[in-house]
All heavy atoms as atom14 arrays in JSON, in Angstrom:
{
  "sequence": "TITAVAEALGYTPGGVSQQIAALEKATGMELLRRVGRRVELTDAGTT",
  "atom14_mask": [
    [1, 1, 1, 1, 1, 1, 1, 0, 0, 0, 0, 0, 0, 0],
    [1, 1, 1, 1, 1, 1, 1, 1, 0, 0, 0, 0, 0, 0],
    [1, 1, 1, 1, 1, 1, 1, 0, 0, 0, 0, 0, 0, 0],
    [1, 1, 1, 1, 1, 0, 0, 0, 0, 0, 0, 0, 0, 0],
    [1, 1, 1, 1, 1, 1, 1, 0, 0, 0, 0, 0, 0, 0],
    [1, 1, 1, 1, 1, 0, 0, 0, 0, 0, 0, 0, 0, 0],
    [1, 1, 1, 1, 1, 1, 1, 1, 1, 0, 0, 0, 0, 0],
    [1, 1, 1, 1, 1, 0, 0, 0, 0, 0, 0, 0, 0, 0],
    [1, 1, 1, 1, 1, 1, 1, 1, 0, 0, 0, 0, 0, 0],
    [1, 1, 1, 1, 0, 0, 0, 0, 0, 0, 0, 0, 0, 0],
    [1, 1, 1, 1, 1, 1, 1, 1, 1, 1, 1, 1, 0, 0],
    [1, 1, 1, 1, 1, 1, 1, 0, 0, 0, 0, 0, 0, 0],
    [1, 1, 1, 1, 1, 1, 1, 0, 0, 0, 0, 0, 0, 0],
    [1, 1, 1, 1, 0, 0, 0, 0, 0, 0, 0, 0, 0, 0],
    [1, 1, 1, 1, 0, 0, 0, 0, 0, 0, 0, 0, 0, 0],
    [1, 1, 1, 1, 1, 1, 1, 0, 0, 0, 0, 0, 0, 0],
    [1, 1, 1, 1, 1, 1, 0, 0, 0, 0, 0, 0, 0, 0],
    [1, 1, 1, 1, 1, 1, 1, 1, 1, 0, 0, 0, 0, 0],
    [1, 1, 1, 1, 1, 1, 1, 1, 1, 0, 0, 0, 0, 0],
    [1, 1, 1, 1, 1, 1, 1, 1, 0, 0, 0, 0, 0, 0],
    [1, 1, 1, 1, 1, 0, 0, 0, 0, 0, 0, 0, 0, 0],
    [1, 1, 1, 1, 1, 0, 0, 0, 0, 0, 0, 0, 0, 0],
    [1, 1, 1, 1, 1, 1, 1, 1, 0, 0, 0, 0, 0, 0],
    [1, 1, 1, 1, 1, 1, 1, 1, 1, 0, 0, 0, 0, 0],
    [1, 1, 1, 1, 1, 1, 1, 1, 1, 0, 0, 0, 0, 0],
    [1, 1, 1, 1, 1, 0, 0, 0, 0, 0, 0, 0, 0, 0],
    [1, 1, 1, 1, 1, 1, 1, 0, 0, 0, 0, 0, 0, 0],
    [1, 1, 1, 1, 0, 0, 0, 0, 0, 0, 0, 0, 0, 0],
    [1, 1, 1, 1, 1, 1, 1, 1, 0, 0, 0, 0, 0, 0],
    [1, 1, 1, 1, 1, 1, 1, 1, 1, 0, 0, 0, 0, 0],
    [1, 1, 1, 1, 1, 1, 1, 1, 0, 0, 0, 0, 0, 0],
    [1, 1, 1, 1, 1, 1, 1, 1, 0, 0, 0, 0, 0, 0],
    [1, 1, 1, 1, 1, 1, 1, 1, 1, 1, 1, 0, 0, 0],
    [1, 1, 1, 1, 1, 1, 1, 1, 1, 1, 1, 0, 0, 0],
    [1, 1, 1, 1, 1, 1, 1, 0, 0, 0, 0, 0, 0, 0],
    [1, 1, 1, 1, 0, 0, 0, 0, 0, 0, 0, 0, 0, 0],
    [1, 1, 1, 1, 1, 1, 1, 1, 1, 1, 1, 0, 0, 0],
    [1, 1, 1, 1, 1, 1, 1, 1, 1, 1, 1, 0, 0, 0],
    [1, 1, 1, 1, 1, 1, 1, 0, 0, 0, 0, 0, 0, 0],
    [1, 1, 1, 1, 1, 1, 1, 1, 1, 0, 0, 0, 0, 0],
    [1, 1, 1, 1, 1, 1, 1, 1, 0, 0, 0, 0, 0, 0],
    [1, 1, 1, 1, 1, 1, 1, 0, 0, 0, 0, 0, 0, 0],
    [1, 1, 1, 1, 1, 1, 1, 1, 0, 0, 0, 0, 0, 0],
    [1, 1, 1, 1, 1, 0, 0, 0, 0, 0, 0, 0, 0, 0],
    [1, 1, 1, 1, 0, 0, 0, 0, 0, 0, 0, 0, 0, 0],
    [1, 1, 1, 1, 1, 1, 1, 0, 0, 0, 0, 0, 0, 0],
    [1, 1, 1, 1, 1, 1, 1, 0, 0, 0, 0, 0, 0, 0]
  ],
  "atom14_positions": [
    [[0.84, -1.17, -0.03], [-0.02, 0.09, 0.02], [0.84, 1.29, 0.0], [2.08, 1.17, 0.47], [-0.9, 0.12, 1.29], [-0.2, 0.3, 2.43], [-1.73, -1.21, 1.41], [0.0, 0.0, 0.0], [0.0, 0.0, 0.0], [0.0, 0.0, 0.0], [0.0, 0.0, 0.0], [0.0, 0.0, 0.0], [0.0, 0.0, 0.0], [0.0, 0.0, 0.0]],
    [[0.3, 2.29, -0.64], [1.0, 3.67, -0.6], [1.23, 4.0, 0.84], [2.34, 4.55, 1.28], [0.18, 4.63, -1.4], [-0.04, 4.09, -2.77], [0.72, 5.91, -1.32], [0.94, 4.75, -3.91], [0.0, 0.0, 0.0], [0.0, 0.0, 0.0], [0.0, 0.0, 0.0], [0.0, 0.0, 0.0], [0.0, 0.0, 0.0], [0.0, 0.0, 0.0]],
    [[0.3, 3.8, 1.68], [0.35, 4.36, 3.15], [1.48, 3.63, 3.79], [2.26, 4.28, 4.4], [-0.82, 4.13, 3.88], [-2.01, 4.8, 3.19], [-0.79, 4.52, 5.31], [0.0, 0.0, 0.0], [0.0, 0.0, 0.0], [0.0, 0.0, 0.0], [0.0, 0.0, 0.0], [0.0, 0.0, 0.0], [0.0, 0.0, 0.0], [0.0, 0.0, 0.0]],
    [[1.64, 2.35, 3.57], [2.63, 1.52, 4.23], [4.14, 2.03, 3.6], [5.07, 2.07, 4.44], [2.45, 0.07, 3.99], [0.0, 0.0, 0.0], [0.0, 0.0, 0.0], [0.0, 0.0, 0.0], [0.0, 0.0, 0.0], [0.0, 0.0, 0.0], [0.0, 0.0, 0.0], [0.0, 0.0, 0.0], [0.0, 0.0, 0.0], [0.0, 0.0, 0.0]],
    [[4.07, 2.27, 2.32], [5.48, 2.74, 1.7], [5.74, 4.17, 2.39], [6.96, 4.38, 2.73], [5.25, 2.88, 0.17], [6.5, 3.5, -0.41], [5.06, 1.5, -0.34], [0.0, 0.0, 0.0], [0.0, 0.0, 0.0], [0.0, 0.0, 0.0], [0.0, 0.0, 0.0], [0.0, 0.0, 0.0], [0.0, 0.0, 0.0], [0.0, 0.0, 0.0]],
    [[4.81, 4.96, 2.5], [5.09, 6.35, 3.12], [5.6, 6.2, 4.51], [6.65, 6.79, 4.91], [3.76, 7.11, 3.06], [0.0, 0.0, 0.0], [0.0, 0.0, 0.0], [0.0, 0.0, 0.0], [0.0, 0.0, 0.0], [0.0, 0.0, 0.0], [0.0, 0.0, 0.0], [0.0, 0.0, 0.0], [0.0, 0.0, 0.0], [0.0, 0.0, 0.0]],
    [[5.11, 5.32, 5.27], [5.54, 5.11, 6.65], [6.97, 4.55, 6.73], [7.78, 5.0, 7.42], [4.58, 4.19, 7.38], [3.24, 4.83, 7.75], [2.29, 3.77, 8.38], [2.68, 2.62, 8.64], [1.08, 4.15, 8.5], [0.0, 0.0, 0.0], [0.0, 0.0, 0.0], [0.0, 0.0, 0.0], [0.0, 0.0, 0.0], [0.0, 0.0, 0.0]],
    [[7.32, 3.56, 5.77], [8.54, 2.99, 5.79], [9.56, 4.02, 5.29], [10.76, 4.05, 5.72], [8.52, 1.91, 4.77], [0.0, 0.0, 0.0], [0.0, 0.0, 0.0], [0.0, 0.0, 0.0], [0.0, 0.0, 0.0], [0.0, 0.0, 0.0], [0.0, 0.0, 0.0], [0.0, 0.0, 0.0], [0.0, 0.0, 0.0], [0.0, 0.0, 0.0]],
    [[9.36, 4.92, 4.28], [10.33, 5.78, 3.71], [10.21, 7.15, 4.47], [11.19, 7.99, 4.05], [10.04, 5.86, 2.27], [10.18, 4.65, 1.4], [9.95, 4.89, -0.09], [11.6, 4.03, 1.6], [0.0, 0.0, 0.0], [0.0, 0.0, 0.0], [0.0, 0.0, 0.0], [0.0, 0.0, 0.0], [0.0, 0.0, 0.0], [0.0, 0.0, 0.0]],
    [[9.22, 7.45, 5.34], [9.24, 8.67, 5.92], [8.68, 9.77, 5.0], [8.97, 11.0, 5.23], [0.0, 0.0, 0.0], [0.0, 0.0, 0.0], [0.0, 0.0, 0.0], [0.0, 0.0, 0.0], [0.0, 0.0, 0.0], [0.0, 0.0, 0.0], [0.0, 0.0, 0.0], [0.0, 0.0, 0.0], [0.0, 0.0, 0.0], [0.0, 0.0, 0.0]],
    [[7.83, 9.49, 4.07], [7.21, 10.32, 3.27], [5.68, 10.46, 3.59], [5.16, 9.69, 4.32], [7.14, 9.95, 1.74], [8.63, 9.79, 1.11], [8.82, 8.84, 0.11], [9.52, 10.62, 1.33], [10.07, 8.57, -0.46], [10.84, 10.51, 0.83], [11.09, 9.52, -0.12], [12.29, 9.36, -0.63], [0.0, 0.0, 0.0], [0.0, 0.0, 0.0]],
    [[5.02, 11.41, 3.02], [3.55, 11.34, 3.1], [2.96, 10.4, 2.05], [3.71, 10.19, 0.94], [2.91, 12.84, 2.86], [3.19, 13.17, 1.64], [3.48, 13.75, 3.82], [0.0, 0.0, 0.0], [0.0, 0.0, 0.0], [0.0, 0.0, 0.0], [0.0, 0.0, 0.0], [0.0, 0.0, 0.0], [0.0, 0.0, 0.0], [0.0, 0.0, 0.0]],
    [[1.76, 9.98, 2.18], [1.24, 9.05, 1.02], [1.12, 9.94, -0.26], [1.45, 9.41, -1.35], [-0.15, 8.8, 1.51], [-0.03, 8.77, 3.02], [0.89, 9.9, 3.37], [0.0, 0.0, 0.0], [0.0, 0.0, 0.0], [0.0, 0.0, 0.0], [0.0, 0.0, 0.0], [0.0, 0.0, 0.0], [0.0, 0.0, 0.0], [0.0, 0.0, 0.0]],
    [[0.91, 11.21, -0.12], [0.86, 12.17, -1.31], [2.2, 12.14, -1.95], [2.4, 12.2, -3.26], [0.0, 0.0, 0.0], [0.0, 0.0, 0.0], [0.0, 0.0, 0.0], [0.0, 0.0, 0.0], [0.0, 0.0, 0.0], [0.0, 0.0, 0.0], [0.0, 0.0, 0.0], [0.0, 0.0, 0.0], [0.0, 0.0, 0.0], [0.0, 0.0, 0.0]],
    [[3.25, 12.22, -1.15], [4.65, 12.15, -1.65], [5.01, 10.84, -2.44], [5.59, 10.95, -3.38], [0.0, 0.0, 0.0], [0.0, 0.0, 0.0], [0.0, 0.0, 0.0], [0.0, 0.0, 0.0], [0.0, 0.0, 0.0], [0.0, 0.0, 0.0], [0.0, 0.0, 0.0], [0.0, 0.0, 0.0], [0.0, 0.0, 0.0], [0.0, 0.0, 0.0]],
    [[4.7, 9.7, -1.92], [4.91, 8.49, -2.51], [4.19, 8.47, -3.85], [4.66, 8.03, -5.1], [4.4, 7.39, -1.69], [4.54, 6.02, -2.37], [5.31, 7.31, -0.39], [0.0, 0.0, 0.0], [0.0, 0.0, 0.0], [0.0, 0.0, 0.0], [0.0, 0.0, 0.0], [0.0, 0.0, 0.0], [0.0, 0.0, 0.0], [0.0, 0.0, 0.0]],
    [[2.78, 8.98, -3.89], [2.05, 8.98, -5.12], [2.74, 9.81, -6.15], [2.83, 9.5, -7.3], [0.67, 9.47, -4.87], [-0.07, 8.63, -4.04], [0.0, 0.0, 0.0], [0.0, 0.0, 0.0], [0.0, 0.0, 0.0], [0.0, 0.0, 0.0], [0.0, 0.0, 0.0], [0.0, 0.0, 0.0], [0.0, 0.0, 0.0], [0.0, 0.0, 0.0]],
    [[3.33, 10.99, -5.75], [4.01, 11.97, -6.69], [5.28, 11.21, -7.25], [5.59, 11.37, -8.38], [4.42, 13.21, -6.0], [3.19, 14.04, -5.68], [3.55, 15.32, -4.78], [4.67, 15.6, -4.5], [2.59, 16.2, -4.88], [0.0, 0.0, 0.0], [0.0, 0.0, 0.0], [0.0, 0.0, 0.0], [0.0, 0.0, 0.0], [0.0, 0.0, 0.0]],
    [[6.0, 10.53, -6.3], [7.2, 9.71, -6.77], [6.77, 8.72, -7.84], [7.46, 8.65, -8.95], [7.76, 8.89, -5.65], [8.4, 9.94, -4.59], [9.65, 10.59, -4.94], [10.28, 10.24, -6.08], [10.2, 11.49, -4.08], [0.0, 0.0, 0.0], [0.0, 0.0, 0.0], [0.0, 0.0, 0.0], [0.0, 0.0, 0.0], [0.0, 0.0, 0.0]],
    [[5.74, 7.95, -7.72], [5.35, 7.02, -8.63], [4.79, 7.67, -9.92], [5.04, 7.12, -11.01], [4.24, 6.01, -8.11], [4.68, 5.29, -6.75], [3.77, 5.04, -9.11], [5.79, 4.25, -7.07], [0.0, 0.0, 0.0], [0.0, 0.0, 0.0], [0.0, 0.0, 0.0], [0.0, 0.0, 0.0], [0.0, 0.0, 0.0], [0.0, 0.0, 0.0]],
    [[4.03, 8.62, -9.83], [3.61, 9.49, -10.96], [4.64, 10.01, -11.81], [4.66, 9.86, -13.08], [2.64, 10.67, -10.51], [0.0, 0.0, 0.0], [0.0, 0.0, 0.0], [0.0, 0.0, 0.0], [0.0, 0.0, 0.0], [0.0, 0.0, 0.0], [0.0, 0.0, 0.0], [0.0, 0.0, 0.0], [0.0, 0.0, 0.0], [0.0, 0.0, 0.0]],
    [[5.7, 10.56, -11.22], [6.91, 11.01, -11.82], [7.61, 9.8, -12.65], [8.16, 9.96, -13.68], [7.86, 11.77, -10.92], [0.0, 0.0, 0.0], [0.0, 0.0, 0.0], [0.0, 0.0, 0.0], [0.0, 0.0, 0.0], [0.0, 0.0, 0.0], [0.0, 0.0, 0.0], [0.0, 0.0, 0.0], [0.0, 0.0, 0.0], [0.0, 0.0, 0.0]],
    [[7.54, 8.7, -11.92], [8.21, 7.54, -12.41], [7.51, 6.96, -13.68], [8.1, 6.65, -14.74], [8.41, 6.37, -11.55], [9.19, 5.17, -11.85], [10.54, 5.47, -12.21], [9.21, 4.26, -10.64], [0.0, 0.0, 0.0], [0.0, 0.0, 0.0], [0.0, 0.0, 0.0], [0.0, 0.0, 0.0], [0.0, 0.0, 0.0], [0.0, 0.0, 0.0]],
    [[6.21, 7.09, -13.72], [5.28, 6.73, -14.72], [5.51, 7.72, -15.99], [5.6, 7.28, -17.09], [3.83, 6.79, -14.43], [3.46, 5.63, -13.58], [1.92, 5.63, -13.18], [1.4, 6.69, -12.91], [1.48, 4.45, -13.05], [0.0, 0.0, 0.0], [0.0, 0.0, 0.0], [0.0, 0.0, 0.0], [0.0, 0.0, 0.0], [0.0, 0.0, 0.0]],
    [[5.74, 8.98, -15.66], [5.97, 10.09, -16.64], [7.36, 9.76, -17.31], [7.55, 9.96, -18.48], [5.97, 11.41, -16.05], [6.06, 12.46, -17.01], [6.01, 13.86, -16.41], [6.13, 14.94, -17.44], [6.04, 16.29, -16.91], [0.0, 0.0, 0.0], [0.0, 0.0, 0.0], [0.0, 0.0, 0.0], [0.0, 0.0, 0.0], [0.0, 0.0, 0.0]],
    [[8.27, 9.47, -16.51], [9.65, 9.16, -16.98], [9.7, 7.98, -17.87], [10.46, 7.93, -19.0], [10.61, 8.97, -15.9], [0.0, 0.0, 0.0], [0.0, 0.0, 0.0], [0.0, 0.0, 0.0], [0.0, 0.0, 0.0], [0.0, 0.0, 0.0], [0.0, 0.0, 0.0], [0.0, 0.0, 0.0], [0.0, 0.0, 0.0], [0.0, 0.0, 0.0]],
    [[9.01, 6.84, -17.61], [8.91, 5.7, -18.38], [7.96, 5.8, -19.61], [8.05, 4.96, -20.46], [8.58, 4.48, -17.43], [7.31, 4.62, -16.95], [9.52, 4.3, -16.52], [0.0, 0.0, 0.0], [0.0, 0.0, 0.0], [0.0, 0.0, 0.0], [0.0, 0.0, 0.0], [0.0, 0.0, 0.0], [0.0, 0.0, 0.0], [0.0, 0.0, 0.0]],
    [[7.0, 6.71, -19.4], [5.94, 6.74, -20.37], [4.97, 5.41, -20.45], [4.25, 5.16, -21.23], [0.0, 0.0, 0.0], [0.0, 0.0, 0.0], [0.0, 0.0, 0.0], [0.0, 0.0, 0.0], [0.0, 0.0, 0.0], [0.0, 0.0, 0.0], [0.0, 0.0, 0.0], [0.0, 0.0, 0.0], [0.0, 0.0, 0.0], [0.0, 0.0, 0.0]],
    [[4.96, 4.93, -19.21], [4.17, 3.71, -18.96], [3.39, 3.74, -17.69], [3.76, 4.33, -16.81], [4.91, 2.48, -19.01], [5.78, 2.33, -20.39], [6.73, 0.74, -20.32], [5.46, -0.33, -21.06], [0.0, 0.0, 0.0], [0.0, 0.0, 0.0], [0.0, 0.0, 0.0], [0.0, 0.0, 0.0], [0.0, 0.0, 0.0], [0.0, 0.0, 0.0]],
    [[2.18, 3.13, -17.74], [1.37, 2.88, -16.5], [2.02, 1.92, -15.78], [2.15, 0.67, -16.16], [-0.1, 2.66, -16.86], [-0.92, 2.49, -15.67], [-2.39, 2.25, -16.02], [-2.61, 1.37, -16.74], [-3.3, 2.89, -15.4], [0.0, 0.0, 0.0], [0.0, 0.0, 0.0], [0.0, 0.0, 0.0], [0.0, 0.0, 0.0], [0.0, 0.0, 0.0]],
    [[2.36, 2.16, -14.48], [3.13, 1.24, -13.53], [2.21, 0.66, -12.62], [2.4, -0.35, -11.97], [4.28, 1.81, -12.9], [5.29, 2.49, -13.9], [6.45, 3.22, -13.11], [5.94, 1.4, -14.7], [0.0, 0.0, 0.0], [0.0, 0.0, 0.0], [0.0, 0.0, 0.0], [0.0, 0.0, 0.0], [0.0, 0.0, 0.0], [0.0, 0.0, 0.0]],
    [[1.04, 1.36, -12.2], [0.07, 0.98, -11.13], [-1.23, 1.02, -11.83], [-1.6, 1.73, -12.66], [0.13, 2.05, -10.09], [1.44, 2.17, -9.16], [1.03, 3.18, -8.06], [1.87, 0.88, -8.8], [0.0, 0.0, 0.0], [0.0, 0.0, 0.0], [0.0, 0.0, 0.0], [0.0, 0.0, 0.0], [0.0, 0.0, 0.0], [0.0, 0.0, 0.0]],
    [[-2.07, 0.1, -11.27], [-3.55, 0.07, -11.69], [-4.29, 0.32, -10.35], [-4.02, -0.36, -9.36], [-3.89, -1.25, -12.33], [-5.18, -1.7, -12.67], [-5.34, -2.99, -13.21], [-4.26, -3.47, -14.19], [-3.23, -4.34, -14.05], [-3.32, -4.91, -12.9], [-2.45, -4.61, -14.88], [0.0, 0.0, 0.0], [0.0, 0.0, 0.0], [0.0, 0.0, 0.0]],
    [[-5.17, 1.18, -10.41], [-6.04, 1.43, -9.27], [-7.1, 0.53, -9.23], [-7.87, 0.29, -10.13], [-6.69, 2.91, -9.38], [-5.82, 4.03, -8.85], [-4.63, 4.26, -9.8], [-3.79, 5.3, -9.35], [-2.62, 5.54, -9.9], [-2.11, 4.73, -10.81], [-1.84, 6.54, -9.55], [0.0, 0.0, 0.0], [0.0, 0.0, 0.0], [0.0, 0.0, 0.0]],
    [[-7.25, -0.21, -8.02], [-8.3, -1.16, -7.83], [-9.01, -0.8, -6.5], [-8.56, -1.09, -5.61], [-7.66, -2.61, -7.68], [-8.8, -3.67, -7.54], [-6.81, -3.0, -8.88], [0.0, 0.0, 0.0], [0.0, 0.0, 0.0], [0.0, 0.0, 0.0], [0.0, 0.0, 0.0], [0.0, 0.0, 0.0], [0.0, 0.0, 0.0], [0.0, 0.0, 0.0]],
    [[-10.18, -0.16, -6.85], [-10.9, 0.41, -5.63], [-9.98, 1.45, -4.99], [-9.6, 2.41, -5.63], [0.0, 0.0, 0.0], [0.0, 0.0, 0.0], [0.0, 0.0, 0.0], [0.0, 0.0, 0.0], [0.0, 0.0, 0.0], [0.0, 0.0, 0.0], [0.0, 0.0, 0.0], [0.0, 0.0, 0.0], [0.0, 0.0, 0.0], [0.0, 0.0, 0.0]],
    [[-9.74, 1.2, -3.6], [-8.9, 2.18, -2.92], [-7.51, 1.74, -2.89], [-6.64, 2.43, -2.26], [-9.53, 2.32, -1.44], [-10.96, 3.0, -1.46], [-11.42, 3.29, -0.12], [-10.45, 4.3, 0.42], [-10.44, 4.75, 1.63], [-11.23, 4.17, 2.55], [-9.66, 5.56, 2.07], [0.0, 0.0, 0.0], [0.0, 0.0, 0.0], [0.0, 0.0, 0.0]],
    [[-7.16, 0.55, -3.5], [-5.95, 0.0, -3.5], [-5.21, 0.16, -4.8], [-5.93, 0.52, -5.78], [-5.9, -1.4, -3.0], [-6.62, -1.55, -1.66], [-6.53, -3.17, -1.2], [-5.25, -3.58, -1.14], [-4.39, -3.54, -0.02], [-4.91, -3.07, 0.94], [-3.33, -4.21, 0.01], [0.0, 0.0, 0.0], [0.0, 0.0, 0.0], [0.0, 0.0, 0.0]],
    [[-3.95, -0.07, -4.89], [-3.26, -0.15, -6.2], [-2.52, -1.57, -6.39], [-2.25, -2.11, -5.3], [-2.29, 1.05, -6.25], [-2.86, 2.37, -6.3], [-1.15, 0.88, -5.21], [0.0, 0.0, 0.0], [0.0, 0.0, 0.0], [0.0, 0.0, 0.0], [0.0, 0.0, 0.0], [0.0, 0.0, 0.0], [0.0, 0.0, 0.0], [0.0, 0.0, 0.0]],
    [[-2.36, -1.86, -7.49], [-1.54, -2.93, -7.79], [-0.55, -2.7, -8.97], [-1.0, -1.84, -9.91], [-2.43, -4.22, -8.15], [-3.33, -4.18, -9.29], [-4.16, -5.48, -9.38], [-4.56, -5.99, -8.39], [-4.44, -5.73, -10.58], [0.0, 0.0, 0.0], [0.0, 0.0, 0.0], [0.0, 0.0, 0.0], [0.0, 0.0, 0.0], [0.0, 0.0, 0.0]],
    [[0.51, -3.36, -9.14], [1.46, -3.08, -10.18], [0.95, -3.67, -11.48], [0.44, -4.86, -11.53], [2.74, -3.63, -9.84], [3.75, -2.7, -9.08], [3.28, -2.43, -7.73], [5.13, -3.31, -8.98], [0.0, 0.0, 0.0], [0.0, 0.0, 0.0], [0.0, 0.0, 0.0], [0.0, 0.0, 0.0], [0.0, 0.0, 0.0], [0.0, 0.0, 0.0]],
    [[1.09, -2.96, -12.51], [1.01, -3.56, -13.89], [2.09, -4.48, -14.31], [3.1, -4.57, -13.49], [0.73, -2.41, -14.86], [2.12, -1.74, -14.96], [-0.25, -1.46, -14.62], [0.0, 0.0, 0.0], [0.0, 0.0, 0.0], [0.0, 0.0, 0.0], [0.0, 0.0, 0.0], [0.0, 0.0, 0.0], [0.0, 0.0, 0.0], [0.0, 0.0, 0.0]],
    [[2.07, -5.07, -15.39], [3.19, -5.98, -15.83], [4.44, -5.09, -16.0], [5.56, -5.44, -15.51], [2.83, -6.63, -17.14], [1.82, -7.76, -17.0], [1.65, -8.17, -15.8], [1.22, -8.16, -18.0], [0.0, 0.0, 0.0], [0.0, 0.0, 0.0], [0.0, 0.0, 0.0], [0.0, 0.0, 0.0], [0.0, 0.0, 0.0], [0.0, 0.0, 0.0]],
    [[4.34, -3.93, -16.51], [5.36, -3.01, -16.63], [5.87, -2.5, -15.3], [7.11, -2.48, -15.13], [4.98, -1.78, -17.48], [0.0, 0.0, 0.0], [0.0, 0.0, 0.0], [0.0, 0.0, 0.0], [0.0, 0.0, 0.0], [0.0, 0.0, 0.0], [0.0, 0.0, 0.0], [0.0, 0.0, 0.0], [0.0, 0.0, 0.0], [0.0, 0.0, 0.0]],
    [[5.06, -2.34, -14.26], [5.45, -1.93, -12.97], [6.17, -2.97, -12.26], [7.3, -2.86, -11.69], [0.0, 0.0, 0.0], [0.0, 0.0, 0.0], [0.0, 0.0, 0.0], [0.0, 0.0, 0.0], [0.0, 0.0, 0.0], [0.0, 0.0, 0.0], [0.0, 0.0, 0.0], [0.0, 0.0, 0.0], [0.0, 0.0, 0.0], [0.0, 0.0, 0.0]],
    [[5.8, -4.33, -12.44], [6.45, -5.45, -11.93], [7.9, -5.63, -12.56], [8.86, -5.89, -11.89], [5.56, -6.74, -12.18], [4.38, -6.66, -11.48], [6.22, -7.98, -11.5], [0.0, 0.0, 0.0], [0.0, 0.0, 0.0], [0.0, 0.0, 0.0], [0.0, 0.0, 0.0], [0.0, 0.0, 0.0], [0.0, 0.0, 0.0], [0.0, 0.0, 0.0]],
    [[7.94, -5.43, -13.82], [9.2, -5.58, -14.51], [10.19, -4.59, -14.18], [11.26, -4.88, -13.74], [8.92, -5.51, -16.11], [8.09, -6.49, -16.55], [10.31, -5.55, -16.86], [0.0, 0.0, 0.0], [0.0, 0.0, 0.0], [0.0, 0.0, 0.0], [0.0, 0.0, 0.0], [0.0, 0.0, 0.0], [0.0, 0.0, 0.0], [0.0, 0.0, 0.0]]
  ]
}
């Protein structure tokens, strides 16, 4: 979860979301899929 990542890295959940969004922009690929209130990695994200 984004919340667990934020706690582990000392970021806010919004900060983690921004990091992932910037990574998606850098790669030009969707790395996460929103599933309800949760997220899961796409195949590209897993790779």
